[in-house]
Amino acid sequence: ERLAPTRRDVLALRAYVLRAQGRFADSIVAYQQVIAANPNEVIAYRQIAICKVALGQPEEAVPMLQEAIRRDPRDPSIWLMYSSMGTALLRMRLPQDAIPWLRRAIDENPARAERSSLWPRLHLASALGHVGRTVEARRELAEVLRMQPFLTVRGYEIRSDASPVVSQNRYVAEGLRAAGLRDHAPEDADAGLPSDGRLSAVGPGPTPASVPGAATIRTDDLVRLIAEERP
C-alpha cells in the first residue's frame, strides 16, 4: 500500500481487509475509491451493499446491488447479488419482495455448493415464515438444518449487539421461528466436537459434551448450585 496506494488491486485488497476487520464504514469509503478508479468493478458495489447491511442500512444496499446487476447481468457469480438483494429486502421487512430474489440465488448458483446456499436458504425460510407459507418454509429450513444441525433462533438473534441491526436480526429470527426453528439446542445435544482442553475464543457455537477432569452439569443443576452454594 505504501508503494502503490492508488493501484486498483491494492485499493480492492485494502477495502476487503477493512471489511474483514468489521470496519464497515471505512470499507465503504475504500470500495468507493475502487469504483472511482473503475466504475465497472461490480464486486465493489456488492461489498458496499454487504457493509450497508452490516451497519443496519439495508435500504442503502438495494441501489448498490441494482447497479451491480445492471452493469454486469451475466456475471458468473450474480447469484451472490441476488442473495444479498433478498437479504436486504427481508431486513427492510419486505419478505414478499425478498422471496423471488432468494429463490433465484439458490437456483442460479452454478456450483450448487451446499455451504454457499446456506444463507439464502436460511433467509428464504424466514421470508416464507413471515408470509405464512409454512410448508415451503419448513422445507427450506430442513435443508438448512441438514447443513447446520445445531442452528437455533437465539444463535441467529444474538449475532450482533449494534442498533438497528438488533431489531433487524429479531425480525429475521421471528420468521425463522414461524418456520419452525427451535429457540435453543437441547442440553444433551452432542455436536461430536472433541475437547482439546482449551477455552475457545468463539462465542456461540458447537460445544464438547464433556471436558476431561470436569463434571458436566445441566441447567437445573446450575440453578440449584447458584441458589444453595452461591459460588
C-alpha atoms as a PDB file:
ATOM      1  CA  GLU A   1       0.000   0.000   0.000  1.00  0.00           C
ATOM      2  CA  ARG A   2       2.914   2.361   0.678  1.00  0.00           C
ATOM      3  CA  LEU A   3       4.494   1.624  -2.712  1.00  0.00           C
ATOM      4  CA  ALA A   4       1.404   1.877  -4.921  1.00  0.00           C
ATOM      5  CA  PRO A   5      -1.538   3.207  -2.878  1.00  0.00           C
ATOM      6  CA  THR A   6      -3.727   4.025  -5.895  1.00  0.00           C
ATOM      7  CA  ARG A   7      -3.370   0.729  -7.756  1.00  0.00           C
ATOM      8  CA  ARG A   8      -6.764  -0.851  -8.317  1.00  0.00           C
ATOM      9  CA  ASP A   9      -5.849  -4.229  -6.813  1.00  0.00           C
ATOM     10  CA  VAL A  10      -4.261  -2.531  -3.804  1.00  0.00           C
ATOM     11  CA  LEU A  11      -7.400  -0.445  -3.232  1.00  0.00           C
ATOM     12  CA  ALA A  12      -9.585  -3.550  -3.507  1.00  0.00           C
ATOM     13  CA  LEU A  13      -7.472  -5.588  -1.076  1.00  0.00           C
ATOM     14  CA  ARG A  14      -7.413  -2.749   1.432  1.00  0.00           C
ATOM     15  CA  ALA A  15     -11.207  -2.435   1.226  1.00  0.00           C
ATOM     16  CA  TYR A  16     -11.609  -6.180   1.713  1.00  0.00           C
ATOM     17  CA  VAL A  17      -9.311  -6.253   4.752  1.00  0.00           C
ATOM     18  CA  LEU A  18     -11.260  -3.397   6.347  1.00  0.00           C
ATOM     19  CA  ARG A  19     -14.498  -5.293   5.801  1.00  0.00           C
ATOM     20  CA  ALA A  20     -12.994  -8.464   7.288  1.00  0.00           C
ATOM     21  CA  GLN A  21     -11.950  -6.440  10.349  1.00  0.00           C
ATOM     22  CA  GLY A  22     -15.531  -5.268  10.813  1.00  0.00           C
ATOM     23  CA  ARG A  23     -14.638  -1.675   9.955  1.00  0.00           C
ATOM     24  CA  PHE A  24     -17.614  -1.388   7.638  1.00  0.00           C
ATOM     25  CA  ALA A  25     -17.793   2.404   7.301  1.00  0.00           C
ATOM     26  CA  ASP A  26     -14.088   2.558   6.404  1.00  0.00           C
ATOM     27  CA  SER A  27     -14.525  -0.318   3.977  1.00  0.00           C
ATOM     28  CA  ILE A  28     -17.323   1.533   2.197  1.00  0.00           C
ATOM     29  CA  VAL A  29     -15.058   4.546   1.671  1.00  0.00           C
ATOM     30  CA  ALA A  30     -12.317   2.269   0.340  1.00  0.00           C
ATOM     31  CA  TYR A  31     -14.667   0.477  -2.055  1.00  0.00           C
ATOM     32  CA  GLN A  32     -15.942   3.833  -3.286  1.00  0.00           C
ATOM     33  CA  GLN A  33     -12.345   4.583  -4.251  1.00  0.00           C
ATOM     34  CA  VAL A  34     -12.273   1.282  -6.154  1.00  0.00           C
ATOM     35  CA  ILE A  35     -15.418   2.304  -8.054  1.00  0.00           C
ATOM     36  CA  ALA A  36     -13.975   5.743  -8.778  1.00  0.00           C
ATOM     37  CA  ALA A  37     -10.958   4.028 -10.349  1.00  0.00           C
ATOM     38  CA  ASN A  38     -13.102   1.528 -12.272  1.00  0.00           C
ATOM     39  CA  PRO A  39     -16.907   2.034 -12.338  1.00  0.00           C
ATOM     40  CA  ASN A  40     -17.403  -1.481 -13.731  1.00  0.00           C
ATOM     41  CA  GLU A  41     -15.856  -3.212 -10.695  1.00  0.00           C
ATOM     42  CA  VAL A  42     -19.158  -4.867  -9.818  1.00  0.00           C
ATOM     43  CA  ILE A  43     -17.825  -6.731  -6.791  1.00  0.00           C
ATOM     44  CA  ALA A  44     -17.203  -3.362  -5.130  1.00  0.00           C
ATOM     45  CA  TYR A  45     -20.908  -2.492  -5.375  1.00  0.00           C
ATOM     46  CA  ARG A  46     -21.845  -5.783  -3.732  1.00  0.00           C
ATOM     47  CA  GLN A  47     -19.251  -5.366  -0.987  1.00  0.00           C
ATOM     48  CA  ILE A  48     -20.585  -1.895  -0.233  1.00  0.00           C
ATOM     49  CA  ALA A  49     -24.060  -3.425  -0.029  1.00  0.00           C
ATOM     50  CA  ILE A  50     -22.807  -6.066   2.433  1.00  0.00           C
ATOM     51  CA  CYS A  51     -21.281  -3.333   4.584  1.00  0.00           C
ATOM     52  CA  LYS A  52     -24.512  -1.324   4.439  1.00  0.00           C
ATOM     53  CA  VAL A  53     -26.486  -4.340   5.651  1.00  0.00           C
ATOM     54  CA  ALA A  54     -23.945  -4.912   8.443  1.00  0.00           C
ATOM     55  CA  LEU A  55     -24.442  -1.296   9.519  1.00  0.00           C
ATOM     56  CA  GLY A  56     -28.215  -1.730   9.590  1.00  0.00           C
ATOM     57  CA  GLN A  57     -28.800   0.243   6.387  1.00  0.00           C
ATOM     58  CA  PRO A  58     -30.346  -2.322   4.005  1.00  0.00           C
ATOM     59  CA  GLU A  59     -32.312   0.341   2.151  1.00  0.00           C
ATOM     60  CA  GLU A  60     -28.989   1.829   1.029  1.00  0.00           C
ATOM     61  CA  ALA A  61     -27.722  -1.594  -0.037  1.00  0.00           C
ATOM     62  CA  VAL A  62     -30.506  -2.118  -2.594  1.00  0.00           C
ATOM     63  CA  PRO A  63     -29.443   0.575  -5.118  1.00  0.00           C
ATOM     64  CA  MET A  64     -25.837  -0.635  -4.960  1.00  0.00           C
ATOM     65  CA  LEU A  65     -26.954  -4.151  -5.861  1.00  0.00           C
ATOM     66  CA  GLN A  66     -29.241  -2.869  -8.607  1.00  0.00           C
ATOM     67  CA  GLU A  67     -26.299  -1.019 -10.106  1.00  0.00           C
ATOM     68  CA  ALA A  68     -24.062  -4.073  -9.934  1.00  0.00           C
ATOM     69  CA  ILE A  69     -26.669  -6.225 -11.694  1.00  0.00           C
ATOM     70  CA  ARG A  70     -27.240  -3.540 -14.328  1.00  0.00           C
ATOM     71  CA  ARG A  71     -23.538  -3.261 -15.097  1.00  0.00           C
ATOM     72  CA  ASP A  72     -22.905  -6.982 -15.444  1.00  0.00           C
ATOM     73  CA  PRO A  73     -26.092  -9.075 -15.723  1.00  0.00           C
ATOM     74  CA  ARG A  74     -24.031 -12.064 -16.927  1.00  0.00           C
ATOM     75  CA  ASP A  75     -21.596 -12.141 -14.035  1.00  0.00           C
ATOM     76  CA  PRO A  76     -20.998 -15.850 -13.190  1.00  0.00           C
ATOM     77  CA  SER A  77     -21.432 -15.024  -9.505  1.00  0.00           C
ATOM     78  CA  ILE A  78     -24.549 -12.901  -9.990  1.00  0.00           C
ATOM     79  CA  TRP A  79     -26.410 -15.275  -7.667  1.00  0.00           C
ATOM     80  CA  LEU A  80     -24.470 -13.625  -4.847  1.00  0.00           C
ATOM     81  CA  MET A  81     -26.051 -10.303  -5.858  1.00  0.00           C
ATOM     82  CA  TYR A  82     -29.467 -11.962  -5.773  1.00  0.00           C
ATOM     83  CA  SER A  83     -28.764 -13.389  -2.321  1.00  0.00           C
ATOM     84  CA  SER A  84     -27.645 -10.020  -0.966  1.00  0.00           C
ATOM     85  CA  MET A  85     -30.695  -8.333  -2.510  1.00  0.00           C
ATOM     86  CA  GLY A  86     -33.045 -10.817  -0.885  1.00  0.00           C
ATOM     87  CA  THR A  87     -31.323 -10.402   2.467  1.00  0.00           C
ATOM     88  CA  ALA A  88     -31.557  -6.601   2.264  1.00  0.00           C
ATOM     89  CA  LEU A  89     -35.257  -6.692   1.352  1.00  0.00           C
ATOM     90  CA  LEU A  90     -36.006  -9.128   4.174  1.00  0.00           C
ATOM     91  CA  ARG A  91     -34.278  -6.838   6.655  1.00  0.00           C
ATOM     92  CA  MET A  92     -36.380  -3.975   5.284  1.00  0.00           C
ATOM     93  CA  ARG A  93     -39.404  -6.060   6.347  1.00  0.00           C
ATOM     94  CA  LEU A  94     -40.396  -6.801   2.763  1.00  0.00           C
ATOM     95  CA  PRO A  95     -40.464 -10.624   2.861  1.00  0.00           C
ATOM     96  CA  GLN A  96     -42.753 -10.984  -0.157  1.00  0.00           C
ATOM     97  CA  ASP A  97     -40.282  -8.992  -2.268  1.00  0.00           C
ATOM     98  CA  ALA A  98     -37.327 -10.912  -0.843  1.00  0.00           C
ATOM     99  CA  ILE A  99     -38.621 -14.384  -1.758  1.00  0.00           C
ATOM    100  CA  PRO A 100     -38.042 -14.319  -5.559  1.00  0.00           C
ATOM    101  CA  TRP A 101     -34.515 -12.912  -5.151  1.00  0.00           C
ATOM    102  CA  LEU A 102     -33.568 -15.590  -2.646  1.00  0.00           C
ATOM    103  CA  ARG A 103     -35.037 -18.331  -4.837  1.00  0.00           C
ATOM    104  CA  ARG A 104     -33.023 -17.064  -7.806  1.00  0.00           C
ATOM    105  CA  ALA A 105     -29.885 -17.029  -5.663  1.00  0.00           C
ATOM    106  CA  ILE A 106     -30.385 -20.719  -4.869  1.00  0.00           C
ATOM    107  CA  ASP A 107     -31.423 -21.741  -8.382  1.00  0.00           C
ATOM    108  CA  GLU A 108     -28.701 -19.842 -10.236  1.00  0.00           C
ATOM    109  CA  ASN A 109     -25.734 -20.808  -8.106  1.00  0.00           C
ATOM    110  CA  PRO A 110     -23.816 -22.780 -10.761  1.00  0.00           C
ATOM    111  CA  ALA A 111     -21.710 -24.696  -8.243  1.00  0.00           C
ATOM    112  CA  ARG A 112     -24.760 -25.714  -6.201  1.00  0.00           C
ATOM    113  CA  ALA A 113     -22.328 -25.792  -3.290  1.00  0.00           C
ATOM    114  CA  GLU A 114     -24.135 -26.506  -0.034  1.00  0.00           C
ATOM    115  CA  ARG A 115     -22.266 -24.012   2.102  1.00  0.00           C
ATOM    116  CA  SER A 116     -22.916 -21.187  -0.346  1.00  0.00           C
ATOM    117  CA  SER A 117     -26.643 -21.930  -0.361  1.00  0.00           C
ATOM    118  CA  LEU A 118     -26.906 -21.914   3.437  1.00  0.00           C
ATOM    119  CA  TRP A 119     -27.610 -18.207   3.927  1.00  0.00           C
ATOM    120  CA  PRO A 120     -30.043 -17.692   1.038  1.00  0.00           C
ATOM    121  CA  ARG A 121     -31.957 -20.783   2.187  1.00  0.00           C
ATOM    122  CA  LEU A 122     -31.965 -19.557   5.784  1.00  0.00           C
ATOM    123  CA  HIS A 123     -33.281 -16.129   4.794  1.00  0.00           C
ATOM    124  CA  LEU A 124     -35.772 -17.698   2.391  1.00  0.00           C
ATOM    125  CA  ALA A 125     -37.134 -19.842   5.247  1.00  0.00           C
ATOM    126  CA  SER A 126     -37.566 -16.683   7.331  1.00  0.00           C
ATOM    127  CA  ALA A 127     -39.272 -14.766   4.500  1.00  0.00           C
ATOM    128  CA  LEU A 128     -41.640 -17.672   3.815  1.00  0.00           C
ATOM    129  CA  GLY A 129     -42.369 -17.941   7.537  1.00  0.00           C
ATOM    130  CA  HIS A 130     -43.303 -14.265   7.671  1.00  0.00           C
ATOM    131  CA  VAL A 131     -45.825 -14.563   4.829  1.00  0.00           C
ATOM    132  CA  GLY A 132     -47.404 -17.718   6.224  1.00  0.00           C
ATOM    133  CA  ARG A 133     -46.114 -20.174   3.614  1.00  0.00           C
ATOM    134  CA  THR A 134     -45.235 -22.617   6.356  1.00  0.00           C
ATOM    135  CA  VAL A 135     -44.871 -25.812   4.312  1.00  0.00           C
ATOM    136  CA  GLU A 136     -42.321 -24.193   1.981  1.00  0.00           C
ATOM    137  CA  ALA A 137     -40.583 -22.526   4.924  1.00  0.00           C
ATOM    138  CA  ARG A 138     -40.154 -25.857   6.707  1.00  0.00           C
ATOM    139  CA  ARG A 139     -38.784 -27.441   3.533  1.00  0.00           C
ATOM    140  CA  GLU A 140     -36.088 -24.784   3.231  1.00  0.00           C
ATOM    141  CA  LEU A 141     -35.357 -24.949   6.944  1.00  0.00           C
ATOM    142  CA  ALA A 142     -34.875 -28.721   6.718  1.00  0.00           C
ATOM    143  CA  GLU A 143     -32.134 -28.161   4.127  1.00  0.00           C
ATOM    144  CA  VAL A 144     -30.502 -25.534   6.356  1.00  0.00           C
ATOM    145  CA  LEU A 145     -30.539 -27.848   9.384  1.00  0.00           C
ATOM    146  CA  ARG A 146     -29.079 -30.671   7.335  1.00  0.00           C
ATOM    147  CA  MET A 147     -26.079 -28.389   6.700  1.00  0.00           C
ATOM    148  CA  GLN A 148     -26.001 -26.807  10.172  1.00  0.00           C
ATOM    149  CA  PRO A 149     -27.831 -29.136  12.614  1.00  0.00           C
ATOM    150  CA  PHE A 150     -27.334 -27.034  15.745  1.00  0.00           C
ATOM    151  CA  LEU A 151     -28.678 -23.763  14.408  1.00  0.00           C
ATOM    152  CA  THR A 152     -31.151 -22.046  16.728  1.00  0.00           C
ATOM    153  CA  VAL A 153     -33.251 -18.887  16.710  1.00  0.00           C
ATOM    154  CA  ARG A 154     -31.246 -17.488  19.602  1.00  0.00           C
ATOM    155  CA  GLY A 155     -27.988 -18.304  17.830  1.00  0.00           C
ATOM    156  CA  TYR A 156     -29.087 -16.135  14.922  1.00  0.00           C
ATOM    157  CA  GLU A 157     -30.685 -13.431  17.038  1.00  0.00           C
ATOM    158  CA  ILE A 158     -27.564 -12.577  19.054  1.00  0.00           C
ATOM    159  CA  ARG A 159     -25.239 -12.246  16.067  1.00  0.00           C
ATOM    160  CA  SER A 160     -24.943  -8.509  16.708  1.00  0.00           C
ATOM    161  CA  ASP A 161     -25.478  -6.093  19.585  1.00  0.00           C
ATOM    162  CA  ALA A 162     -25.460  -2.952  17.422  1.00  0.00           C
ATOM    163  CA  SER A 163     -28.629  -0.980  16.767  1.00  0.00           C
ATOM    164  CA  PRO A 164     -30.544  -1.025  14.391  1.00  0.00           C
ATOM    165  CA  VAL A 165     -29.093  -4.402  13.435  1.00  0.00           C
ATOM    166  CA  VAL A 166     -30.551  -5.926  16.615  1.00  0.00           C
ATOM    167  CA  SER A 167     -34.158  -5.232  15.597  1.00  0.00           C
ATOM    168  CA  GLN A 168     -33.464  -6.450  12.053  1.00  0.00           C
ATOM    169  CA  ASN A 169     -31.954  -9.675  13.391  1.00  0.00           C
ATOM    170  CA  ARG A 170     -35.003 -10.137  15.579  1.00  0.00           C
ATOM    171  CA  TYR A 171     -37.277  -9.699  12.588  1.00  0.00           C
ATOM    172  CA  VAL A 172     -35.403 -12.391  10.639  1.00  0.00           C
ATOM    173  CA  ALA A 173     -35.442 -14.585  13.768  1.00  0.00           C
ATOM    174  CA  GLU A 174     -39.232 -14.197  14.049  1.00  0.00           C
ATOM    175  CA  GLY A 175     -39.582 -15.569  10.538  1.00  0.00           C
ATOM    176  CA  LEU A 176     -37.305 -18.493  11.399  1.00  0.00           C
ATOM    177  CA  ARG A 177     -39.384 -19.188  14.488  1.00  0.00           C
ATOM    178  CA  ALA A 178     -42.524 -19.178  12.321  1.00  0.00           C
ATOM    179  CA  ALA A 179     -40.763 -21.646  10.001  1.00  0.00           C
ATOM    180  CA  GLY A 180     -40.288 -23.990  12.961  1.00  0.00           C
ATOM    181  CA  LEU A 181     -36.698 -23.348  14.028  1.00  0.00           C
ATOM    182  CA  ARG A 182     -36.186 -24.103  17.714  1.00  0.00           C
ATOM    183  CA  ASP A 183     -35.140 -21.384  20.142  1.00  0.00           C
ATOM    184  CA  HIS A 184     -32.386 -23.362  21.863  1.00  0.00           C
ATOM    185  CA  ALA A 185     -30.441 -26.532  21.206  1.00  0.00           C
ATOM    186  CA  PRO A 186     -31.313 -29.421  23.561  1.00  0.00           C
ATOM    187  CA  GLU A 187     -28.992 -29.764  26.542  1.00  0.00           C
ATOM    188  CA  ASP A 188     -27.961 -33.302  25.642  1.00  0.00           C
ATOM    189  CA  ALA A 189     -27.084 -32.439  22.026  1.00  0.00           C
ATOM    190  CA  ASP A 190     -23.717 -33.896  21.058  1.00  0.00           C
ATOM    191  CA  ALA A 191     -22.005 -31.944  18.272  1.00  0.00           C
ATOM    192  CA  GLY A 192     -19.283 -34.566  18.059  1.00  0.00           C
ATOM    193  CA  LEU A 193     -16.709 -31.945  18.969  1.00  0.00           C
ATOM    194  CA  PRO A 194     -13.737 -33.344  20.945  1.00  0.00           C
ATOM    195  CA  SER A 195     -12.356 -31.277  23.790  1.00  0.00           C
ATOM    196  CA  ASP A 196      -8.769 -30.113  23.416  1.00  0.00           C
ATOM    197  CA  GLY A 197      -8.598 -28.788  26.959  1.00  0.00           C
ATOM    198  CA  ARG A 198      -8.569 -25.150  25.890  1.00  0.00           C
ATOM    199  CA  LEU A 199     -11.131 -22.378  26.085  1.00  0.00           C
ATOM    200  CA  SER A 200     -12.357 -21.174  22.704  1.00  0.00           C
ATOM    201  CA  ALA A 201     -12.435 -17.543  21.634  1.00  0.00           C
ATOM    202  CA  VAL A 202     -15.534 -18.286  19.543  1.00  0.00           C
ATOM    203  CA  GLY A 203     -18.839 -17.155  21.034  1.00  0.00           C
ATOM    204  CA  PRO A 204     -21.965 -19.186  20.243  1.00  0.00           C
ATOM    205  CA  GLY A 205     -21.125 -22.437  18.533  1.00  0.00           C
ATOM    206  CA  PRO A 206     -20.743 -26.193  18.966  1.00  0.00           C
ATOM    207  CA  THR A 207     -19.573 -27.247  22.424  1.00  0.00           C
ATOM    208  CA  PRO A 208     -17.963 -30.529  23.571  1.00  0.00           C
ATOM    209  CA  ALA A 209     -20.370 -32.743  25.508  1.00  0.00           C
ATOM    210  CA  SER A 210     -17.728 -33.308  28.188  1.00  0.00           C
ATOM    211  CA  VAL A 211     -14.354 -31.982  29.282  1.00  0.00           C
ATOM    212  CA  PRO A 212     -11.569 -34.127  30.813  1.00  0.00           C
ATOM    213  CA  GLY A 213     -11.285 -33.657  34.566  1.00  0.00           C
ATOM    214  CA  ALA A 214     -14.598 -31.799  34.895  1.00  0.00           C
ATOM    215  CA  ALA A 215     -18.190 -32.734  35.688  1.00  0.00           C
ATOM    216  CA  THR A 216     -20.863 -31.725  33.207  1.00  0.00           C
ATOM    217  CA  ILE A 217     -23.892 -30.103  34.831  1.00  0.00           C
ATOM    218  CA  ARG A 218     -27.304 -29.276  33.396  1.00  0.00           C
ATOM    219  CA  THR A 219     -29.338 -26.100  33.742  1.00  0.00           C
ATOM    220  CA  ASP A 220     -31.298 -27.406  36.736  1.00  0.00           C
ATOM    221  CA  ASP A 221     -28.006 -28.262  38.460  1.00  0.00           C
ATOM    222  CA  LEU A 222     -26.689 -24.767  37.786  1.00  0.00           C
ATOM    223  CA  VAL A 223     -29.805 -23.106  39.228  1.00  0.00           C
ATOM    224  CA  ARG A 224     -29.504 -25.212  42.375  1.00  0.00           C
ATOM    225  CA  LEU A 225     -25.749 -24.578  42.607  1.00  0.00           C
ATOM    226  CA  ILE A 226     -26.252 -20.805  42.445  1.00  0.00           C
ATOM    227  CA  ALA A 227     -29.105 -20.870  44.959  1.00  0.00           C
ATOM    228  CA  GLU A 228     -27.533 -23.215  47.509  1.00  0.00           C
ATOM    229  CA  GLU A 229     -23.778 -22.776  47.274  1.00  0.00           C
ATOM    230  CA  ARG A 230     -23.543 -19.213  45.898  1.00  0.00           C
ATOM    231  CA  PRO A 231     -20.249 -19.906  44.057  1.00  0.00           C
END
